[in-house]
Structures are given as C-alpha cells and as structure tokens.
Amino acid sequence: MAGTLYLVATPIGNLEDMTPRAVRILNEVDVIAAEDTRGSIRLLNHFDIHTPMTSYHEYNKLSKAHVLVDRLLQGENVAVITDAGTPGISDPGEDLVRMALAAGITVSPVPGACAAVNALVSSGKPTRRFCFEAFLPMERKERAEILKELKTETRTIVLYEAPHRLIRTLGELYTALGDREITLCRELTKKHETIEETTIGMALRKFEAKVSGEGAEEVSAEAPRGEYVLVIAGRDRRELQREKQEAITETMTVEEHFQNYLDQGMDRKEAMKAVARDRGISKRDVYQQLMT
C-alpha cells in the first residue's frame, strides 16, 4: 500500500502558530522534504522533532520528486515543508503534488499559516474574489504581460515582494495600474509586523530613495525592510464597463459594431442585444440606428 504525502504548513514568523497536528505528523512520517534544510533544522529542534530530512527545492524539484514518489509507492509517508507557510504556494511543492496524484498517491494538507491569506483578511480589501500572483516574474516581457493583465483585474490582487525590489515594483504598479488603494503587510506575525493602508503613489513616494551628491544613493529612513505582501484594490467593474463603452463608441459605428458580432457567428437578435449592452443603450435605439 502506498504512503501519504503530507503538505505541512509551518509558521511564517511566530513559532506559536505551529499546530499540534503539524508537530505530530512531522514526528510520524518517514522523511521530511524541506525547501531549506538548514533553516528547517531550527524549527525541528525547537519542537524536538528528529525525523530525517532531505532537500527538495527549485533546483532539484524534478529529480528529487521522482525519488520521493518512489518512496511513497513503497509505502513510506512523506511530509513537505517550505521555508515558511504553506507548501505548494509559490514553491516547488506543487510539482511534487502533481506527480504524486498522477501516481495514485494520497495527498493530505495539514493547514496552518499562509502569508497571502493572512494579508488578505487583514487588508480591509474585498475578500470574496481575489487573485494571487505571488512574486511577479523577473523576465521583462512576461512581467509586462502580467502587469497588463492586472490593469483590468476587478478582483483584489495579492502579491509578494522582497524589500530590495519593493520600490521598483511599486513604480511599475503605479505606471500599469494607476494610483490604486493598496495595503502593505510587512513581517506578518513577527515582532515588527505592520499593516498599512495607503495608495500605490503614496507608498512609492514614502519608500523612494533620495539621490544626492555624485550619484551616491542616500537611503531614506523609510527604506523598505522585511518581507512584504501587497494587497491591491481591483478595478471598479462599472467604471471598467463605462471605459469599454466609450472606447467602442469612439472607434466603431453601431453598424460596424453590429457587423462585428455577426461575423463572430451571432444571429441578428443576439448581436443587437450585445451591441445594446456594450454601448449602454436600448435594443430599440440599436434597431433604429441600423434602419436609418
């Protein structure tokens, strides 16, 4: 009988957030696959856990995943832990989960801390609908494409960012999204935890470094420190619809708009209804303009 793959959440800062179940599972499994064994050993020592560890990280995730799946198929139980928080969220744990499920292995989550969820519920932003982007891609073209997509995102947006890249990211967000409301969550659950509601523009001005002298950079007293979760307000759906209607009105006549839907395969009745919806007018108005 195959073993079970456990996804064990660990604290993101405060060790008191370690659950009794997480401690028990880590004690009972045959091996712990850790993203950073050097950092995780301190956690295991604190809770007197002596289970053997093996490294499982971004650079060995495919080769090591095959090894771990083989062990699971032989009946061993494996726990996955990340540097902090819930494994499988923006880390290589998701690859192992896919391989385990494909092999018919049971995957069991052991819930606990998650920085994205903690930031979201503390942000004051709508929580019913949200999107999680983790860290924005480093590759320039892909990063630009993601930012373009986020420009029309109506859901609350959650991002991770490191302190040394925060100013650059805030600048790009300001350019791409405009001056949206944002909540900056720093060092969640830790001693210097801060949760600040502001706007992207105000945050950027606050953190921007001052340049003086012969190009020497003088970092302000407000320079970013600690790990950040950014929670950004989504676009207003009605405002977005108004902009869409204005753009359509400026670029297409009613006849062109109507023909565009016919070319997509709609019948005349549905096309007329779609034109009326897009332009914020009645079907009678559409019909009269088409008949003139």
Protein backbone atom coordinates (compact mmCIF):
# COMPACT_ATOMS: atom_id res chain seq x y z
CA MET A 1 0.00 0.00 0.00
CA ALA A 2 1.33 3.44 -0.95
CA GLY A 3 2.13 6.01 1.69
CA THR A 4 0.66 9.51 2.09
CA LEU A 5 2.15 12.81 1.01
CA TYR A 6 1.50 15.44 3.70
CA LEU A 7 1.71 19.16 2.94
CA VAL A 8 2.59 20.60 6.32
CA ALA A 9 2.23 24.34 6.93
CA THR A 10 4.85 25.88 9.22
CA PRO A 11 4.95 29.31 10.93
CA ILE A 12 5.77 32.39 8.85
CA GLY A 13 7.40 34.08 11.81
CA ASN A 14 5.76 33.29 15.13
CA LEU A 15 6.56 29.77 16.33
CA GLU A 16 3.36 29.72 18.40
CA ASP A 17 1.48 29.30 15.11
CA MET A 18 2.79 25.74 14.72
CA THR A 19 -0.21 23.43 15.17
CA PRO A 20 -0.18 20.28 17.34
CA ARG A 21 -1.20 18.24 14.30
CA ALA A 22 1.74 19.56 12.29
CA VAL A 23 4.13 18.56 15.07
CA ARG A 24 2.59 15.09 15.26
CA ILE A 25 2.72 14.49 11.50
CA LEU A 26 6.33 15.64 11.27
CA ASN A 27 7.20 13.22 14.06
CA GLU A 28 5.35 10.30 12.47
CA VAL A 29 6.39 10.45 8.80
CA ASP A 30 9.40 8.56 7.45
CA VAL A 31 11.05 11.59 5.88
CA ILE A 32 10.59 15.38 5.67
CA ALA A 33 11.25 17.04 2.31
CA ALA A 34 12.37 20.57 3.18
CA GLU A 35 12.94 23.53 0.88
CA ASP A 36 15.81 24.70 3.12
CA THR A 37 17.16 22.00 5.43
CA ARG A 38 19.49 24.43 7.21
CA GLY A 39 16.63 26.73 8.15
CA SER A 40 14.18 23.94 8.89
CA ILE A 41 16.50 22.17 11.34
CA ARG A 42 15.99 25.06 13.77
CA LEU A 43 12.23 24.56 13.57
CA LEU A 44 12.53 20.80 14.11
CA ASN A 45 14.92 21.25 17.02
CA HIS A 46 12.55 23.73 18.66
CA PHE A 47 9.74 21.16 18.61
CA ASP A 48 12.02 18.20 19.39
CA ILE A 49 11.36 16.53 16.03
CA HIS A 50 14.04 14.03 14.95
CA THR A 51 12.61 12.77 11.65
CA PRO A 52 15.24 12.57 8.84
CA MET A 53 15.18 15.40 6.32
CA THR A 54 16.00 15.57 2.64
CA SER A 55 16.30 18.66 0.46
CA TYR A 56 13.55 19.44 -2.03
CA HIS A 57 13.88 22.82 -3.70
CA GLU A 58 13.61 24.69 -7.01
CA TYR A 59 16.87 23.32 -8.39
CA ASN A 60 16.26 19.61 -7.74
CA LYS A 61 12.45 19.54 -7.80
CA LEU A 62 12.11 17.19 -10.77
CA SER A 63 14.82 14.65 -9.95
CA LYS A 64 14.00 14.60 -6.23
CA ALA A 65 10.26 14.37 -6.90
CA HIS A 66 10.82 11.05 -8.70
CA VAL A 67 12.78 9.77 -5.68
CA LEU A 68 10.08 10.86 -3.24
CA VAL A 69 7.26 9.37 -5.32
CA ASP A 70 9.15 6.06 -5.45
CA ARG A 71 9.45 6.09 -1.66
CA LEU A 72 5.74 6.87 -1.34
CA LEU A 73 4.87 3.99 -3.67
CA GLN A 74 6.94 1.70 -1.45
CA GLY A 75 4.71 2.61 1.50
CA GLU A 76 6.65 5.42 3.17
CA ASN A 77 4.93 8.58 4.37
CA VAL A 78 6.49 11.90 3.31
CA ALA A 79 5.92 15.42 4.65
CA VAL A 80 6.75 18.51 2.62
CA ILE A 81 7.62 21.80 4.32
CA THR A 82 8.64 25.11 2.81
CA ASP A 83 10.82 27.90 4.24
CA ALA A 84 7.72 29.31 5.92
CA GLY A 85 3.98 28.99 5.48
CA THR A 86 2.01 26.53 3.37
CA PRO A 87 3.93 24.37 0.88
CA GLY A 88 2.71 24.34 -2.70
CA ILE A 89 2.06 28.11 -2.71
CA SER A 90 4.66 29.71 -4.98
CA ASP A 91 7.21 26.97 -4.34
CA PRO A 92 8.21 23.60 -5.89
CA GLY A 93 5.76 21.65 -3.74
CA GLU A 94 3.13 21.94 -6.47
CA ASP A 95 5.25 19.82 -8.86
CA LEU A 96 5.53 17.01 -6.32
CA VAL A 97 1.78 17.12 -5.68
CA ARG A 98 1.04 16.71 -9.40
CA MET A 99 3.39 13.74 -9.69
CA ALA A 100 2.00 12.11 -6.55
CA LEU A 101 -1.61 12.44 -7.69
CA ALA A 102 -0.70 11.08 -11.12
CA ALA A 103 0.80 8.03 -9.38
CA GLY A 104 -2.38 7.46 -7.36
CA ILE A 105 -0.83 8.60 -4.07
CA THR A 106 -2.99 10.20 -1.37
CA VAL A 107 -2.15 13.87 -0.75
CA SER A 108 -3.22 15.33 2.60
CA PRO A 109 -2.93 19.01 3.60
CA VAL A 110 -2.02 19.93 7.18
CA PRO A 111 -3.30 23.53 7.40
CA GLY A 112 -1.56 26.43 9.07
CA ALA A 113 -0.08 29.83 8.33
CA CYS A 114 -0.22 31.35 4.84
CA ALA A 115 1.09 34.89 4.31
CA ALA A 116 -1.20 35.60 1.35
CA VAL A 117 -4.40 34.70 3.22
CA ASN A 118 -3.32 36.46 6.42
CA ALA A 119 -2.53 39.63 4.48
CA LEU A 120 -5.80 39.49 2.53
CA VAL A 121 -8.05 39.19 5.57
CA SER A 122 -6.11 41.97 7.34
CA SER A 123 -6.10 44.36 4.38
CA GLY A 124 -9.59 45.84 4.52
CA LYS A 125 -9.98 44.98 0.82
CA PRO A 126 -12.81 42.79 -0.56
CA THR A 127 -12.08 39.12 0.14
CA ARG A 128 -14.90 37.33 -1.73
CA ARG A 129 -13.00 37.47 -5.03
CA PHE A 130 -9.23 37.79 -5.23
CA CYS A 131 -6.31 36.72 -7.40
CA PHE A 132 -2.88 35.68 -6.17
CA GLU A 133 0.17 36.46 -8.32
CA ALA A 134 2.91 35.57 -5.79
CA PHE A 135 6.17 37.23 -6.95
CA LEU A 136 5.93 38.98 -10.31
CA PRO A 137 8.12 37.25 -12.94
CA MET A 138 11.67 38.55 -13.29
CA GLU A 139 11.73 38.16 -17.08
CA ARG A 140 10.86 41.58 -18.51
CA LYS A 141 8.42 40.54 -21.24
CA GLU A 142 6.45 38.15 -19.04
CA ARG A 143 6.39 40.72 -16.24
CA ALA A 144 4.98 43.36 -18.61
CA GLU A 145 2.30 40.93 -19.81
CA ILE A 146 1.19 40.14 -16.24
CA LEU A 147 1.03 43.84 -15.35
CA LYS A 148 -1.06 44.47 -18.47
CA GLU A 149 -3.50 41.74 -17.41
CA LEU A 150 -3.74 43.19 -13.90
CA LYS A 151 -4.69 46.59 -15.30
CA THR A 152 -8.27 45.39 -15.89
CA GLU A 153 -8.43 42.94 -12.96
CA THR A 154 -11.57 43.58 -10.91
CA ARG A 155 -10.66 41.18 -8.09
CA THR A 156 -8.45 42.10 -5.15
CA ILE A 157 -4.82 41.43 -6.11
CA VAL A 158 -2.30 39.81 -3.75
CA LEU A 159 1.45 39.97 -4.48
CA TYR A 160 4.63 39.03 -2.65
CA GLU A 161 7.73 41.21 -2.80
CA ALA A 162 11.20 41.31 -1.26
CA PRO A 163 12.32 44.61 0.34
CA HIS A 164 15.15 45.28 -2.13
CA ARG A 165 12.72 45.11 -5.08
CA LEU A 166 9.77 46.90 -3.48
CA ILE A 167 10.43 50.38 -4.88
CA ARG A 168 10.84 49.07 -8.43
CA THR A 169 7.64 47.02 -8.17
CA LEU A 170 5.63 49.91 -6.72
CA GLY A 171 6.82 52.09 -9.59
CA GLU A 172 5.76 49.53 -12.17
CA LEU A 173 2.40 49.04 -10.46
CA TYR A 174 1.82 52.81 -10.42
CA THR A 175 2.57 53.02 -14.15
CA ALA A 176 0.47 49.99 -15.08
CA LEU A 177 -2.48 50.23 -12.69
CA GLY A 178 -2.63 53.87 -11.69
CA ASP A 179 -2.86 55.15 -8.14
CA ARG A 180 -4.90 52.30 -6.64
CA GLU A 181 -5.58 51.73 -2.96
CA ILE A 182 -3.05 49.29 -1.50
CA THR A 183 -2.40 47.66 1.86
CA LEU A 184 1.24 46.88 2.62
CA CYS A 185 1.65 43.99 5.05
CA ARG A 186 5.18 43.62 6.39
CA GLU A 187 6.74 40.90 8.56
CA LEU A 188 3.39 39.26 9.31
CA THR A 189 3.19 37.52 12.72
CA LYS A 190 6.70 38.76 13.59
CA LYS A 191 7.83 41.32 16.18
CA HIS A 192 7.86 44.25 13.73
CA GLU A 193 4.61 43.39 11.93
CA THR A 194 2.98 46.37 10.22
CA ILE A 195 -0.22 46.63 8.18
CA GLU A 196 -0.60 49.98 6.42
CA GLU A 197 -3.44 51.18 4.19
CA THR A 198 -2.32 53.74 1.62
CA THR A 199 -2.18 54.25 -2.15
CA ILE A 200 0.44 52.99 -4.59
CA GLY A 201 1.61 56.56 -5.24
CA MET A 202 1.91 57.46 -1.58
CA ALA A 203 3.76 54.22 -0.82
CA LEU A 204 6.16 54.84 -3.69
CA ARG A 205 6.94 58.37 -2.53
CA LYS A 206 7.44 57.16 1.01
CA PHE A 207 9.94 54.45 0.11
CA GLU A 208 11.75 56.07 -2.78
CA ALA A 209 15.44 56.54 -2.08
CA LYS A 210 16.91 60.05 -2.27
CA VAL A 211 19.75 60.61 -4.70
CA SER A 212 22.32 63.22 -3.82
CA GLY A 213 25.95 64.14 -4.39
CA GLU A 214 27.87 62.42 -7.19
CA GLY A 215 25.26 59.77 -7.85
CA ALA A 216 25.63 58.32 -4.36
CA GLU A 217 22.39 56.85 -3.10
CA GLU A 218 21.22 58.06 0.28
CA VAL A 219 18.58 55.63 1.52
CA SER A 220 15.79 57.36 3.41
CA ALA A 221 14.72 56.44 6.91
CA GLU A 222 11.63 54.85 5.34
CA ALA A 223 13.60 52.43 3.14
CA PRO A 224 11.84 49.04 2.89
CA ARG A 225 12.85 46.35 5.36
CA GLY A 226 11.37 42.88 5.81
CA GLU A 227 9.21 40.70 3.57
CA TYR A 228 6.11 42.31 2.08
CA VAL A 229 2.67 41.18 0.94
CA LEU A 230 0.91 43.77 -1.22
CA VAL A 231 -2.90 43.72 -1.32
CA ILE A 232 -4.20 45.94 -4.13
CA ALA A 233 -7.76 47.04 -4.86
CA GLY A 234 -9.24 45.70 -8.08
CA ARG A 235 -10.80 47.92 -10.74
CA ASP A 236 -14.38 49.05 -10.28
CA ARG A 237 -16.48 46.92 -12.64
CA ARG A 238 -18.87 49.77 -13.53
CA GLU A 239 -16.01 52.13 -14.28
CA LEU A 240 -14.38 49.48 -16.45
CA GLN A 241 -17.63 48.95 -18.35
CA ARG A 242 -18.01 52.70 -18.92
CA GLU A 243 -14.49 52.86 -20.34
CA LYS A 244 -15.25 49.93 -22.62
CA GLN A 245 -18.42 51.60 -23.85
CA GLU A 246 -16.59 54.87 -24.50
CA ALA A 247 -13.83 53.09 -26.41
CA ILE A 248 -16.37 51.24 -28.56
CA THR A 249 -18.33 54.41 -29.26
CA GLU A 250 -15.17 56.25 -30.30
CA THR A 251 -13.82 53.54 -32.60
CA MET A 252 -16.90 51.87 -34.16
CA THR A 253 -20.24 52.92 -35.52
CA VAL A 254 -23.34 50.99 -34.46
CA GLU A 255 -23.35 49.31 -37.86
CA GLU A 256 -19.70 48.21 -37.55
CA HIS A 257 -20.30 47.02 -34.00
CA PHE A 258 -23.34 45.01 -35.11
CA GLN A 259 -21.47 43.50 -38.07
CA ASN A 260 -18.57 42.52 -35.81
CA TYR A 261 -20.91 40.29 -33.77
CA LEU A 262 -22.50 38.84 -36.91
CA ASP A 263 -19.01 37.93 -38.15
CA GLN A 264 -18.46 36.05 -34.87
CA GLY A 265 -21.45 33.82 -35.64
CA MET A 266 -24.21 35.50 -33.63
CA ASP A 267 -27.69 35.73 -35.08
CA ARG A 268 -29.18 39.20 -35.65
CA LYS A 269 -31.24 39.22 -32.45
CA GLU A 270 -28.33 38.24 -30.19
CA ALA A 271 -25.98 40.64 -32.00
CA MET A 272 -28.41 43.51 -31.49
CA LYS A 273 -28.71 42.64 -27.79
CA ALA A 274 -24.91 42.52 -27.42
CA VAL A 275 -24.47 45.90 -29.11
CA ALA A 276 -27.07 47.46 -26.82
CA ARG A 277 -25.36 46.01 -23.75
CA ASP A 278 -21.88 47.17 -24.82
CA ARG A 279 -22.98 50.69 -25.66
CA GLY A 280 -25.33 51.15 -22.70
CA ILE A 281 -28.36 51.87 -24.91
CA SER A 282 -31.66 50.09 -25.58
CA LYS A 283 -32.23 47.47 -28.28
CA ARG A 284 -34.84 49.84 -29.78
CA ASP A 285 -32.12 52.51 -30.19
CA VAL A 286 -29.82 49.98 -31.87
CA TYR A 287 -32.61 48.88 -34.21
CA GLN A 288 -33.49 52.45 -35.18
CA GLN A 289 -29.86 53.33 -35.94
CA LEU A 290 -29.43 50.21 -38.06
CA MET A 291 -32.58 51.03 -40.03
CA THR A 292 -31.59 54.63 -40.85
